[in-house]
């Protein structure tokens, strides 16, 4: 091969226009890649026509913590217990039973057997009125009170609730027409009731009556007429209804 030698044509290197365009395109591509690389590395650079918005600055506010000062009692204050007096209720007087008649056997004389007063032919019967001072149940009113009260019980002396009690008649020039239920005034017992007639004792003779009714206004007793007195020691009338 020593006998062969490479021979290049002598003269200037000629570039056609396509070669020039290729070189220009290559250089432009390299410049464009460098431009985008700079923007990628530093987006906030002045070369970026669309820079990102600036990041907000975090401002830390220092809020003072309030100091709570506990309230204290004055050093001279000393608590002392105050005992309030409790009201004592005056017990109601107990009814004294009437003495029973004693029969004496007389030789040769036949002693008649006393007859018992027949009870009314109604489901309930009423006791004889008992007159007391209203101060026992209404001490705050003193003598300025007049009323009727009582209770209703069955054969075993157990309270009977929710029966109607009606009070009617005339006293002091005015008509009385009142209605209540047994159990409405527990101060007189579990089945107690009460009517307030006026604010002062007045005398009347059989002008007022009281009657026990069941629901539907069916009478359980007859009308029980009673008297009233202009006496502060007799201005509370107690009447007790008992089932037969």
C-alpha atoms as a PDB file:
ATOM      1  CA  UNK A   1       0.000   0.000   0.000  1.00  0.00           C
ATOM      2  CA  UNK A   2       2.989   2.263   0.200  1.00  0.00           C
ATOM      3  CA  UNK A   3       2.602   2.745  -3.418  1.00  0.00           C
ATOM      4  CA  UNK A   4      -0.699   4.478  -2.984  1.00  0.00           C
ATOM      5  CA  UNK A   5      -1.137   8.019  -1.583  1.00  0.00           C
ATOM      6  CA  UNK A   6      -4.311   9.911  -0.743  1.00  0.00           C
ATOM      7  CA  UNK A   7      -4.749  12.923  -2.782  1.00  0.00           C
ATOM      8  CA  UNK A   8      -7.150  15.734  -1.913  1.00  0.00           C
ATOM      9  CA  UNK A   9      -8.275  18.195  -4.375  1.00  0.00           C
ATOM     10  CA  UNK A  10      -6.453  21.434  -4.060  1.00  0.00           C
ATOM     11  CA  UNK A  11      -8.293  24.680  -3.703  1.00  0.00           C
ATOM     12  CA  UNK A  12     -10.834  26.392  -1.339  1.00  0.00           C
ATOM     13  CA  UNK A  13     -13.602  24.538   0.606  1.00  0.00           C
ATOM     14  CA  UNK A  14     -16.955  25.468  -0.864  1.00  0.00           C
ATOM     15  CA  UNK A  15     -20.174  25.412   1.301  1.00  0.00           C
ATOM     16  CA  UNK A  16     -23.486  25.491  -0.326  1.00  0.00           C
ATOM     17  CA  UNK A  17     -26.449  27.336   1.123  1.00  0.00           C
ATOM     18  CA  UNK A  18     -27.960  24.255   2.763  1.00  0.00           C
ATOM     19  CA  UNK A  19     -24.833  23.743   4.777  1.00  0.00           C
ATOM     20  CA  UNK A  20     -24.973  27.347   5.950  1.00  0.00           C
ATOM     21  CA  UNK A  21     -28.629  27.027   6.932  1.00  0.00           C
ATOM     22  CA  UNK A  22     -27.896  23.848   8.888  1.00  0.00           C
ATOM     23  CA  UNK A  23     -25.109  25.556  10.815  1.00  0.00           C
ATOM     24  CA  UNK A  24     -27.323  28.565  11.579  1.00  0.00           C
ATOM     25  CA  UNK A  25     -30.180  26.303  12.737  1.00  0.00           C
ATOM     26  CA  UNK A  26     -27.808  24.326  14.975  1.00  0.00           C
ATOM     27  CA  UNK A  27     -26.411  27.473  16.599  1.00  0.00           C
ATOM     28  CA  UNK A  28     -29.925  28.885  17.095  1.00  0.00           C
ATOM     29  CA  UNK A  29     -31.058  25.608  18.681  1.00  0.00           C
ATOM     30  CA  UNK A  30     -28.132  25.658  21.097  1.00  0.00           C
ATOM     31  CA  UNK A  31     -28.893  29.271  22.056  1.00  0.00           C
ATOM     32  CA  UNK A  32     -32.583  28.498  22.552  1.00  0.00           C
ATOM     33  CA  UNK A  33     -31.757  25.487  24.720  1.00  0.00           C
ATOM     34  CA  UNK A  34     -29.423  27.612  26.828  1.00  0.00           C
ATOM     35  CA  UNK A  35     -32.139  30.261  27.185  1.00  0.00           C
ATOM     36  CA  UNK A  36     -34.722  27.750  28.449  1.00  0.00           C
ATOM     37  CA  UNK A  37     -32.137  26.169  30.728  1.00  0.00           C
ATOM     38  CA  UNK A  38     -31.466  29.537  32.379  1.00  0.00           C
ATOM     39  CA  UNK A  39     -35.212  30.133  32.862  1.00  0.00           C
ATOM     40  CA  UNK A  40     -35.644  26.616  34.300  1.00  0.00           C
ATOM     41  CA  UNK A  41     -32.809  27.141  36.770  1.00  0.00           C
ATOM     42  CA  UNK A  42     -33.967  30.633  37.805  1.00  0.00           C
ATOM     43  CA  UNK A  43     -37.651  31.222  36.991  1.00  0.00           C
ATOM     44  CA  UNK A  44     -37.486  34.692  38.558  1.00  0.00           C
ATOM     45  CA  UNK A  45     -34.771  35.767  36.143  1.00  0.00           C
ATOM     46  CA  UNK A  46     -35.312  38.881  34.088  1.00  0.00           C
ATOM     47  CA  UNK A  47     -35.068  36.744  30.943  1.00  0.00           C
ATOM     48  CA  UNK A  48     -38.390  35.040  31.802  1.00  0.00           C
ATOM     49  CA  UNK A  49     -41.241  36.974  30.140  1.00  0.00           C
ATOM     50  CA  UNK A  50     -43.750  35.236  32.469  1.00  0.00           C
ATOM     51  CA  UNK A  51     -42.119  35.168  35.896  1.00  0.00           C
ATOM     52  CA  UNK A  52     -44.030  33.425  38.737  1.00  0.00           C
ATOM     53  CA  UNK A  53     -45.848  35.636  41.276  1.00  0.00           C
ATOM     54  CA  UNK A  54     -43.739  36.563  44.266  1.00  0.00           C
ATOM     55  CA  UNK A  55     -44.194  34.360  47.324  1.00  0.00           C
ATOM     56  CA  UNK A  56     -46.171  36.008  50.154  1.00  0.00           C
ATOM     57  CA  UNK A  57     -44.167  37.080  53.124  1.00  0.00           C
ATOM     58  CA  UNK A  58     -45.260  35.340  56.341  1.00  0.00           C
ATOM     59  CA  UNK A  59     -45.807  37.916  59.042  1.00  0.00           C
ATOM     60  CA  UNK A  60     -45.775  36.518  62.580  1.00  0.00           C
ATOM     61  CA  UNK A  61     -47.879  38.585  64.953  1.00  0.00           C
ATOM     62  CA  UNK A  62     -46.987  38.450  68.592  1.00  0.00           C
ATOM     63  CA  UNK A  63     -50.173  38.562  70.724  1.00  0.00           C
ATOM     64  CA  UNK A  64     -49.548  39.215  74.391  1.00  0.00           C
ATOM     65  CA  UNK A  65     -51.015  36.557  76.694  1.00  0.00           C
ATOM     66  CA  UNK A  66     -53.425  38.110  79.218  1.00  0.00           C
ATOM     67  CA  UNK A  67     -52.606  37.531  82.827  1.00  0.00           C
ATOM     68  CA  UNK A  68     -55.590  36.438  84.945  1.00  0.00           C
ATOM     69  CA  UNK A  69     -55.544  37.894  88.407  1.00  0.00           C
ATOM     70  CA  UNK A  70     -57.697  35.772  90.761  1.00  0.00           C
ATOM     71  CA  UNK A  71     -60.209  37.668  92.856  1.00  0.00           C
ATOM     72  CA  UNK A  72     -59.690  37.339  96.552  1.00  0.00           C
ATOM     73  CA  UNK A  73     -61.929  38.038  99.492  1.00  0.00           C
ATOM     74  CA  UNK A  74     -60.966  40.844 101.832  1.00  0.00           C
ATOM     75  CA  UNK A  75     -58.673  39.585 104.592  1.00  0.00           C
ATOM     76  CA  UNK A  76     -61.121  40.738 107.267  1.00  0.00           C
ATOM     77  CA  UNK A  77     -64.111  38.811 105.857  1.00  0.00           C
ATOM     78  CA  UNK A  78     -65.101  35.814 107.950  1.00  0.00           C
ATOM     79  CA  UNK A  79     -68.028  33.657 106.781  1.00  0.00           C
ATOM     80  CA  UNK A  80     -70.623  32.945 109.401  1.00  0.00           C
ATOM     81  CA  UNK A  81     -73.552  30.579 109.129  1.00  0.00           C
ATOM     82  CA  UNK A  82     -76.977  32.167 109.468  1.00  0.00           C
ATOM     83  CA  UNK A  83     -79.656  29.898 110.821  1.00  0.00           C
ATOM     84  CA  UNK A  84     -83.096  30.888 109.601  1.00  0.00           C
ATOM     85  CA  UNK A  85     -85.935  30.145 111.975  1.00  0.00           C
ATOM     86  CA  UNK A  86     -88.331  27.494 110.744  1.00  0.00           C
ATOM     87  CA  UNK A  87     -92.019  28.058 111.092  1.00  0.00           C
ATOM     88  CA  UNK A  88     -93.709  25.626 113.421  1.00  0.00           C
ATOM     89  CA  UNK A  89     -97.217  24.674 112.549  1.00  0.00           C
ATOM     90  CA  UNK A  90     -99.790  24.575 115.291  1.00  0.00           C
ATOM     91  CA  UNK A  91    -101.322  21.101 115.320  1.00  0.00           C
ATOM     92  CA  UNK A  92    -105.029  20.907 114.633  1.00  0.00           C
ATOM     93  CA  UNK A  93    -107.114  20.119 117.676  1.00  0.00           C
ATOM     94  CA  UNK A  94    -108.349  16.583 117.988  1.00  0.00           C
ATOM     95  CA  UNK A  95    -112.051  15.919 118.144  1.00  0.00           C
ATOM     96  CA  UNK A  96    -113.246  14.788 121.545  1.00  0.00           C
ATOM     97  CA  UNK A  97    -115.762  11.938 121.217  1.00  0.00           C
ATOM     98  CA  UNK A  98    -119.163  12.596 122.694  1.00  0.00           C
ATOM     99  CA  UNK A  99    -119.977  10.613 125.838  1.00  0.00           C
ATOM    100  CA  UNK A 100    -122.183   7.616 125.277  1.00  0.00           C
ATOM    101  CA  UNK A 101    -125.340   7.150 127.325  1.00  0.00           C
ATOM    102  CA  UNK A 102    -125.193   4.491 130.053  1.00  0.00           C
ATOM    103  CA  UNK A 103    -128.351   2.396 130.431  1.00  0.00           C
ATOM    104  CA  UNK A 104    -129.587   1.571 133.904  1.00  0.00           C
ATOM    105  CA  UNK A 105    -131.849  -1.432 134.523  1.00  0.00           C
ATOM    106  CA  UNK A 106    -134.775  -0.628 136.829  1.00  0.00           C
ATOM    107  CA  UNK A 107    -136.491  -3.684 138.352  1.00  0.00           C
ATOM    108  CA  UNK A 108    -139.959  -4.245 136.953  1.00  0.00           C
ATOM    109  CA  UNK A 109    -139.532  -1.609 134.223  1.00  0.00           C
ATOM    110  CA  UNK A 110    -138.623  -2.579 130.697  1.00  0.00           C
ATOM    111  CA  UNK A 111    -135.884  -0.333 129.371  1.00  0.00           C
ATOM    112  CA  UNK A 112    -136.391   0.559 125.697  1.00  0.00           C
ATOM    113  CA  UNK A 113    -133.499  -0.069 123.346  1.00  0.00           C
ATOM    114  CA  UNK A 114    -132.199   3.243 121.978  1.00  0.00           C
ATOM    115  CA  UNK A 115    -132.618   3.606 118.237  1.00  0.00           C
ATOM    116  CA  UNK A 116    -129.651   4.621 116.058  1.00  0.00           C
ATOM    117  CA  UNK A 117    -130.061   7.617 113.801  1.00  0.00           C
ATOM    118  CA  UNK A 118    -130.382   6.186 110.287  1.00  0.00           C
ATOM    119  CA  UNK A 119    -127.811   7.267 107.722  1.00  0.00           C
ATOM    120  CA  UNK A 120    -129.019   8.805 104.484  1.00  0.00           C
ATOM    121  CA  UNK A 121    -129.600   6.485 101.554  1.00  0.00           C
ATOM    122  CA  UNK A 122    -126.637   7.856  99.589  1.00  0.00           C
ATOM    123  CA  UNK A 123    -123.170   6.449  98.794  1.00  0.00           C
ATOM    124  CA  UNK A 124    -121.553   8.932 101.225  1.00  0.00           C
ATOM    125  CA  UNK A 125    -122.692  10.654 104.405  1.00  0.00           C
ATOM    126  CA  UNK A 126    -121.363  13.827 106.042  1.00  0.00           C
ATOM    127  CA  UNK A 127    -120.227  14.324 109.601  1.00  0.00           C
ATOM    128  CA  UNK A 128    -121.627  17.085 111.762  1.00  0.00           C
ATOM    129  CA  UNK A 129    -119.810  20.390 111.114  1.00  0.00           C
ATOM    130  CA  UNK A 130    -116.856  21.179 113.367  1.00  0.00           C
ATOM    131  CA  UNK A 131    -116.099  24.860 113.995  1.00  0.00           C
ATOM    132  CA  UNK A 132    -112.484  25.984 114.461  1.00  0.00           C
ATOM    133  CA  UNK A 133    -110.386  29.118 114.228  1.00  0.00           C
ATOM    134  CA  UNK A 134    -108.959  29.678 110.754  1.00  0.00           C
ATOM    135  CA  UNK A 135    -105.675  30.758 112.373  1.00  0.00           C
ATOM    136  CA  UNK A 136    -104.804  27.061 112.702  1.00  0.00           C
ATOM    137  CA  UNK A 137    -104.449  26.720 108.910  1.00  0.00           C
ATOM    138  CA  UNK A 138    -104.174  30.387 107.865  1.00  0.00           C
ATOM    139  CA  UNK A 139    -102.295  32.219 110.631  1.00  0.00           C
ATOM    140  CA  UNK A 140    -101.337  35.013 108.235  1.00  0.00           C
ATOM    141  CA  UNK A 141    -105.015  35.955 107.725  1.00  0.00           C
ATOM    142  CA  UNK A 142    -105.854  36.239 111.394  1.00  0.00           C
ATOM    143  CA  UNK A 143    -109.596  36.747 111.779  1.00  0.00           C
ATOM    144  CA  UNK A 144    -109.998  38.097 108.239  1.00  0.00           C
ATOM    145  CA  UNK A 145    -111.145  34.783 106.801  1.00  0.00           C
ATOM    146  CA  UNK A 146    -114.252  32.603 106.457  1.00  0.00           C
ATOM    147  CA  UNK A 147    -114.337  29.234 104.754  1.00  0.00           C
ATOM    148  CA  UNK A 148    -115.316  25.571 104.629  1.00  0.00           C
ATOM    149  CA  UNK A 149    -112.914  22.628 104.374  1.00  0.00           C
ATOM    150  CA  UNK A 150    -112.801  18.881 104.879  1.00  0.00           C
ATOM    151  CA  UNK A 151    -111.958  15.589 103.210  1.00  0.00           C
ATOM    152  CA  UNK A 152    -113.503  12.434 101.726  1.00  0.00           C
ATOM    153  CA  UNK A 153    -112.614   8.872 102.800  1.00  0.00           C
ATOM    154  CA  UNK A 154    -113.847   5.362 102.068  1.00  0.00           C
ATOM    155  CA  UNK A 155    -115.015   2.666 104.489  1.00  0.00           C
ATOM    156  CA  UNK A 156    -111.413   1.898 105.456  1.00  0.00           C
ATOM    157  CA  UNK A 157    -110.689   5.556 106.197  1.00  0.00           C
ATOM    158  CA  UNK A 158    -108.504   5.789 103.061  1.00  0.00           C
ATOM    159  CA  UNK A 159    -108.575   9.042 101.074  1.00  0.00           C
ATOM    160  CA  UNK A 160    -110.802   9.244  97.991  1.00  0.00           C
ATOM    161  CA  UNK A 161    -109.450  11.664  95.386  1.00  0.00           C
ATOM    162  CA  UNK A 162    -110.948  13.658  92.512  1.00  0.00           C
ATOM    163  CA  UNK A 163    -114.556  13.763  93.689  1.00  0.00           C
ATOM    164  CA  UNK A 164    -116.454  16.998  93.074  1.00  0.00           C
ATOM    165  CA  UNK A 165    -117.416  19.136  96.071  1.00  0.00           C
ATOM    166  CA  UNK A 166    -119.973  21.896  95.525  1.00  0.00           C
ATOM    167  CA  UNK A 167    -120.755  24.805  97.846  1.00  0.00           C
ATOM    168  CA  UNK A 168    -123.886  26.884  97.342  1.00  0.00           C
ATOM    169  CA  UNK A 169    -126.331  29.244  99.025  1.00  0.00           C
ATOM    170  CA  UNK A 170    -126.357  32.878 100.135  1.00  0.00           C
ATOM    171  CA  UNK A 171    -124.395  34.803 102.766  1.00  0.00           C
ATOM    172  CA  UNK A 172    -123.733  38.480 103.356  1.00  0.00           C
ATOM    173  CA  UNK A 173    -126.116  39.453 100.557  1.00  0.00           C
ATOM    174  CA  UNK A 174    -124.258  37.543  97.842  1.00  0.00           C
ATOM    175  CA  UNK A 175    -124.799  34.191  96.153  1.00  0.00           C
ATOM    176  CA  UNK A 176    -122.271  31.404  96.666  1.00  0.00           C
ATOM    177  CA  UNK A 177    -121.701  28.902  93.833  1.00  0.00           C
ATOM    178  CA  UNK A 178    -118.270  27.252  94.119  1.00  0.00           C
ATOM    179  CA  UNK A 179    -116.795  23.941  92.940  1.00  0.00           C
ATOM    180  CA  UNK A 180    -113.586  22.090  93.821  1.00  0.00           C
ATOM    181  CA  UNK A 181    -112.071  18.572  93.945  1.00  0.00           C
ATOM    182  CA  UNK A 182    -111.072  16.330  96.804  1.00  0.00           C
ATOM    183  CA  UNK A 183    -107.283  16.343  96.985  1.00  0.00           C
ATOM    184  CA  UNK A 184    -106.988  20.013  96.003  1.00  0.00           C
ATOM    185  CA  UNK A 185    -106.113  21.090  99.587  1.00  0.00           C
ATOM    186  CA  UNK A 186    -103.701  18.495 101.065  1.00  0.00           C
ATOM    187  CA  UNK A 187    -103.296  20.600 104.229  1.00  0.00           C
ATOM    188  CA  UNK A 188    -106.519  18.948 105.428  1.00  0.00           C
ATOM    189  CA  UNK A 189    -105.425  15.443 104.411  1.00  0.00           C
ATOM    190  CA  UNK A 190    -104.550  13.669 101.186  1.00  0.00           C
ATOM    191  CA  UNK A 191    -108.146  14.060  99.961  1.00  0.00           C
ATOM    192  CA  UNK A 192    -108.634  17.506 101.499  1.00  0.00           C
ATOM    193  CA  UNK A 193    -110.656  20.341  99.969  1.00  0.00           C
ATOM    194  CA  UNK A 194    -111.251  23.979 100.894  1.00  0.00           C
ATOM    195  CA  UNK A 195    -113.599  26.855 100.006  1.00  0.00           C
ATOM    196  CA  UNK A 196    -112.892  30.499 100.845  1.00  0.00           C
ATOM    197  CA  UNK A 197    -116.230  32.234 101.430  1.00  0.00           C
ATOM    198  CA  UNK A 198    -115.098  35.706 102.512  1.00  0.00           C
ATOM    199  CA  UNK A 199    -112.567  37.838 104.347  1.00  0.00           C
ATOM    200  CA  UNK A 200    -114.477  38.141 107.632  1.00  0.00           C
ATOM    201  CA  UNK A 201    -116.636  35.906 109.831  1.00  0.00           C
ATOM    202  CA  UNK A 202    -120.357  36.251 109.074  1.00  0.00           C
ATOM    203  CA  UNK A 203    -123.363  34.727 110.791  1.00  0.00           C
ATOM    204  CA  UNK A 204    -125.936  32.724 108.821  1.00  0.00           C
ATOM    205  CA  UNK A 205    -128.567  30.146 109.709  1.00  0.00           C
ATOM    206  CA  UNK A 206    -128.832  27.257 107.249  1.00  0.00           C
ATOM    207  CA  UNK A 207    -128.215  29.566 104.296  1.00  0.00           C
ATOM    208  CA  UNK A 208    -125.235  27.598 102.956  1.00  0.00           C
ATOM    209  CA  UNK A 209    -125.048  23.976 101.812  1.00  0.00           C
ATOM    210  CA  UNK A 210    -122.332  21.581 100.650  1.00  0.00           C
ATOM    211  CA  UNK A 211    -122.667  18.449  98.515  1.00  0.00           C
ATOM    212  CA  UNK A 212    -120.380  15.670  97.276  1.00  0.00           C
ATOM    213  CA  UNK A 213    -120.672  14.713  93.586  1.00  0.00           C
ATOM    214  CA  UNK A 214    -118.961  12.297  91.251  1.00  0.00           C
ATOM    215  CA  UNK A 215    -117.856  13.060  87.714  1.00  0.00           C
ATOM    216  CA  UNK A 216    -120.934  13.887  85.647  1.00  0.00           C
ATOM    217  CA  UNK A 217    -122.534  15.807  88.570  1.00  0.00           C
ATOM    218  CA  UNK A 218    -124.151  12.669  89.974  1.00  0.00           C
ATOM    219  CA  UNK A 219    -124.915  13.343  93.680  1.00  0.00           C
ATOM    220  CA  UNK A 220    -123.091  11.172  96.208  1.00  0.00           C
ATOM    221  CA  UNK A 221    -124.730  12.942  99.176  1.00  0.00           C
ATOM    222  CA  UNK A 222    -127.712  15.137  99.829  1.00  0.00           C
ATOM    223  CA  UNK A 223    -127.217  18.862 100.272  1.00  0.00           C
ATOM    224  CA  UNK A 224    -125.771  19.360 103.756  1.00  0.00           C
ATOM    225  CA  UNK A 225    -126.955  22.688 105.229  1.00  0.00           C
ATOM    226  CA  UNK A 226    -124.922  24.311 107.998  1.00  0.00           C
ATOM    227  CA  UNK A 227    -124.660  27.527 110.003  1.00  0.00           C
ATOM    228  CA  UNK A 228    -121.870  30.089 110.188  1.00  0.00           C
ATOM    229  CA  UNK A 229    -120.932  32.421 113.053  1.00  0.00           C
ATOM    230  CA  UNK A 230    -119.492  35.911 113.334  1.00  0.00           C
ATOM    231  CA  UNK A 231    -116.821  34.508 115.628  1.00  0.00           C
ATOM    232  CA  UNK A 232    -113.069  34.381 114.990  1.00  0.00           C
ATOM    233  CA  UNK A 233    -112.927  31.042 116.790  1.00  0.00           C
ATOM    234  CA  UNK A 234    -115.599  29.529 114.501  1.00  0.00           C
ATOM    235  CA  UNK A 235    -114.732  30.934 111.070  1.00  0.00           C
ATOM    236  CA  UNK A 236    -113.438  27.589 109.721  1.00  0.00           C
ATOM    237  CA  UNK A 237    -116.080  24.883 109.226  1.00  0.00           C
ATOM    238  CA  UNK A 238    -114.810  21.304 108.814  1.00  0.00           C
ATOM    239  CA  UNK A 239    -117.046  18.656 107.191  1.00  0.00           C
ATOM    240  CA  UNK A 240    -115.905  15.081 106.544  1.00  0.00           C
ATOM    241  CA  UNK A 241    -117.499  12.819 103.913  1.00  0.00           C
ATOM    242  CA  UNK A 242    -117.365   9.055 104.531  1.00  0.00           C
ATOM    243  CA  UNK A 243    -118.399   6.269 102.188  1.00  0.00           C
ATOM    244  CA  UNK A 244    -121.098   3.937 103.513  1.00  0.00           C
END
